[in-house]
C-alpha cells in the first residue's frame, strides 16, 4: 500500500536526502503529498505532483486526502 502523505523532518547530515532526493521519490511512488519540515531554517516544503510550495513554519496545510496538518 502507498500512503496518501509522507511527513519528513530534516535531520542534520541528511539535508540533501530529506530535501532533494526523498520528495521526488515519494511522488514517483504515488504519494499525493510530501511535507518536509526543516527545523534549521523554519521552512515547510509541501510537494504535490503538480507543484511545490514553501512556507514559514508553523503553517496549516490541507492535504489532498482532505486532512489538515500544522507543520
Protein backbone atom coordinates (compact mmCIF):
# COMPACT_ATOMS: atom_id res chain seq x y z
CA UNK A 1 0.00 0.00 0.00
CA UNK A 2 1.08 3.54 -0.73
CA UNK A 3 0.34 6.18 1.91
CA UNK A 4 -1.57 9.30 0.87
CA UNK A 5 1.02 11.52 2.56
CA UNK A 6 4.56 11.45 3.93
CA UNK A 7 5.88 13.89 6.53
CA UNK A 8 9.65 14.24 6.94
CA UNK A 9 11.69 16.27 9.40
CA UNK A 10 15.12 17.28 8.10
CA UNK A 11 17.98 15.69 10.03
CA UNK A 12 21.50 17.10 10.32
CA UNK A 13 23.73 15.40 7.80
CA UNK A 14 20.77 14.19 5.73
CA UNK A 15 19.64 17.53 4.31
CA UNK A 16 20.17 16.51 0.67
CA UNK A 17 18.27 13.24 1.12
CA UNK A 18 15.42 14.85 3.02
CA UNK A 19 15.05 17.96 0.84
CA UNK A 20 16.12 16.84 -2.66
CA UNK A 21 16.04 13.06 -3.01
CA UNK A 22 13.07 11.98 -0.87
CA UNK A 23 10.23 14.14 -2.22
CA UNK A 24 10.58 13.17 -5.93
CA UNK A 25 10.99 9.52 -4.95
CA UNK A 26 7.82 9.50 -2.81
CA UNK A 27 5.84 11.30 -5.51
CA UNK A 28 7.05 8.81 -8.15
CA UNK A 29 5.64 6.01 -5.99
CA UNK A 30 2.15 7.55 -5.95
CA UNK A 31 2.25 9.53 -2.71
CA UNK A 32 -0.02 12.57 -3.17
CA UNK A 33 1.51 14.92 -0.57
CA UNK A 34 5.05 15.13 0.78
CA UNK A 35 5.63 17.62 3.60
CA UNK A 36 9.21 18.32 4.64
CA UNK A 37 9.81 20.36 7.79
CA UNK A 38 13.21 21.99 8.15
CA UNK A 39 13.70 22.98 11.81
CA UNK A 40 17.06 24.59 10.97
CA UNK A 41 15.62 27.35 8.77
CA UNK A 42 11.98 27.33 9.90
CA UNK A 43 10.62 26.39 6.46
CA UNK A 44 7.98 23.85 5.45
CA UNK A 45 8.04 22.42 1.92
CA UNK A 46 4.78 20.95 0.57
CA UNK A 47 5.30 18.82 -2.53
CA UNK A 48 2.45 17.51 -4.69
CA UNK A 49 2.58 16.03 -8.19
CA UNK A 50 1.57 19.45 -9.56
CA UNK A 51 3.76 21.84 -7.57
CA UNK A 52 5.98 22.61 -4.60
CA UNK A 53 5.15 25.37 -2.13
CA UNK A 54 7.47 26.67 0.60
CA UNK A 55 6.10 28.35 3.73
CA UNK A 56 7.30 29.67 7.04
CA UNK A 57 6.59 27.31 9.93
CA UNK A 58 4.13 26.89 11.55
CA UNK A 59 1.67 26.54 8.66
CA UNK A 60 -1.67 24.77 8.30
CA UNK A 61 -1.52 22.58 5.21
CA UNK A 62 -4.56 20.91 3.70
CA UNK A 63 -3.60 17.58 2.16
CA UNK A 64 -5.22 16.17 -0.96
CA UNK A 65 -6.92 13.48 1.14
CA UNK A 66 -8.79 16.29 2.95
CA UNK A 67 -6.83 16.10 6.20
CA UNK A 68 -5.11 19.11 7.66
CA UNK A 69 -1.78 19.27 9.40
CA UNK A 70 0.15 22.02 11.08
CA UNK A 71 3.85 21.83 10.36
